[in-house]
Amino acid sequence: MLADIPAGLVGTGGAAGILAVAVWLILTGRLIPRTTHEDRIGDKDKQIAWLLEENAAKSAEAKIRTEQVNKLMSNSDLSLAILNSIAKTAGRDADVAS
């Protein structure tokens, strides 16, 4: 940050130099009031809280989806086993599906 200060302001000494640097910082937006900073931090905290809630909701949905897929897969395994046994009793040696 200090490297960005114009050389003309650094060369000025004393109170006038400090005042010039302070004015330059204010004009470039690098020096803001505490309340503005706290407002920005508060907004970020609200955004982070919202993102955490959304992440938790999506994780819960993904868990439910995974459980449903696992249930469907076990049912499909049973159906495949039944079809294979029917095919074997009908005289076919090859599996119905692999």
Protein backbone atom coordinates (compact mmCIF):
# COMPACT_ATOMS: atom_id res chain seq x y z
CA MET A 1 0.00 0.00 0.00
CA LEU A 2 2.77 2.44 0.84
CA ALA A 3 4.47 1.70 -2.47
CA ASP A 4 1.40 3.12 -4.26
CA ILE A 5 1.77 6.58 -2.66
CA PRO A 6 2.89 9.14 -5.25
CA ALA A 7 6.49 10.28 -4.89
CA GLY A 8 5.45 13.94 -4.66
CA LEU A 9 3.56 13.25 -1.43
CA VAL A 10 6.37 11.24 0.14
CA GLY A 11 8.95 13.97 -0.46
CA THR A 12 6.85 16.55 1.40
CA GLY A 13 7.85 16.49 5.03
CA GLY A 14 6.12 17.26 8.28
CA ALA A 15 2.46 17.92 8.89
CA ALA A 16 1.79 18.98 5.32
CA GLY A 17 3.13 15.64 4.05
CA ILE A 18 1.03 13.66 6.51
CA LEU A 19 -2.03 15.69 5.58
CA ALA A 20 -1.34 15.20 1.88
CA VAL A 21 -1.00 11.44 2.32
CA ALA A 22 -4.22 11.30 4.40
CA VAL A 23 -6.14 13.27 1.77
CA TRP A 24 -4.72 11.06 -0.98
CA LEU A 25 -5.77 7.91 0.94
CA ILE A 26 -9.30 9.27 1.41
CA LEU A 27 -9.66 10.30 -2.23
CA THR A 28 -8.47 6.93 -3.52
CA GLY A 29 -10.84 5.08 -1.19
CA ARG A 30 -8.15 3.37 0.85
CA LEU A 31 -9.07 5.17 4.07
CA ILE A 32 -12.73 4.73 5.02
CA PRO A 33 -14.70 5.43 8.22
CA ARG A 34 -15.02 2.67 10.79
CA THR A 35 -18.80 2.48 10.37
CA THR A 36 -18.43 1.89 6.64
CA HIS A 37 -15.90 -0.84 7.33
CA GLU A 38 -18.17 -2.47 9.92
CA ASP A 39 -21.11 -2.31 7.48
CA ARG A 40 -19.06 -4.05 4.80
CA ILE A 41 -17.90 -6.71 7.26
CA GLY A 42 -21.50 -7.20 8.40
CA ASP A 43 -22.64 -7.66 4.81
CA LYS A 44 -19.92 -10.24 4.24
CA ASP A 45 -20.90 -12.07 7.44
CA LYS A 46 -24.53 -12.20 6.27
CA GLN A 47 -23.42 -13.48 2.88
CA ILE A 48 -21.25 -16.17 4.47
CA ALA A 49 -24.11 -17.26 6.77
CA TRP A 50 -26.47 -17.50 3.78
CA LEU A 51 -23.93 -19.51 1.79
CA LEU A 52 -23.42 -21.90 4.71
CA GLU A 53 -27.19 -22.43 4.98
CA GLU A 54 -27.44 -23.08 1.24
CA ASN A 55 -24.53 -25.52 1.42
CA ALA A 56 -26.15 -27.39 4.30
CA ALA A 57 -29.46 -27.60 2.39
CA LYS A 58 -27.73 -28.90 -0.75
CA SER A 59 -25.79 -31.45 1.30
CA ALA A 60 -29.03 -32.70 2.86
CA GLU A 61 -30.62 -32.99 -0.59
CA ALA A 62 -27.60 -34.87 -1.92
CA LYS A 63 -27.74 -37.28 1.02
CA ILE A 64 -31.43 -37.99 0.38
CA ARG A 65 -30.74 -38.44 -3.34
CA THR A 66 -27.92 -40.89 -2.58
CA GLU A 67 -30.16 -42.92 -0.26
CA GLN A 68 -32.87 -43.08 -2.93
CA VAL A 69 -30.39 -44.21 -5.58
CA ASN A 70 -29.07 -46.92 -3.25
CA LYS A 71 -32.62 -48.19 -2.65
CA LEU A 72 -33.32 -48.24 -6.37
CA MET A 73 -30.07 -50.05 -7.08
CA SER A 74 -30.89 -52.80 -4.58
CA ASN A 75 -34.31 -53.22 -6.20
CA SER A 76 -32.75 -53.38 -9.65
CA ASP A 77 -30.25 -56.01 -8.45
CA LEU A 78 -33.17 -58.12 -7.21
CA SER A 79 -35.03 -57.68 -10.52
CA LEU A 80 -31.91 -58.68 -12.45
CA ALA A 81 -31.44 -61.79 -10.31
CA ILE A 82 -35.07 -62.80 -10.87
CA LEU A 83 -34.79 -62.28 -14.65
CA ASN A 84 -31.57 -64.32 -14.76
CA SER A 85 -33.16 -67.18 -12.83
CA ILE A 86 -36.20 -67.11 -15.16
CA ALA A 87 -33.89 -67.17 -18.18
CA LYS A 88 -31.96 -70.14 -16.77
CA THR A 89 -35.13 -72.10 -16.10
CA ALA A 90 -36.31 -71.33 -19.63
CA GLY A 91 -33.18 -72.95 -20.98
CA ARG A 92 -31.02 -69.94 -21.78
CA ASP A 93 -27.56 -70.01 -20.32
CA ALA A 94 -26.59 -66.38 -21.03
CA ASP A 95 -27.36 -63.61 -18.56
CA VAL A 96 -30.24 -61.28 -19.36
CA ALA A 97 -28.10 -58.19 -18.75
CA SER A 98 -24.67 -57.64 -17.36
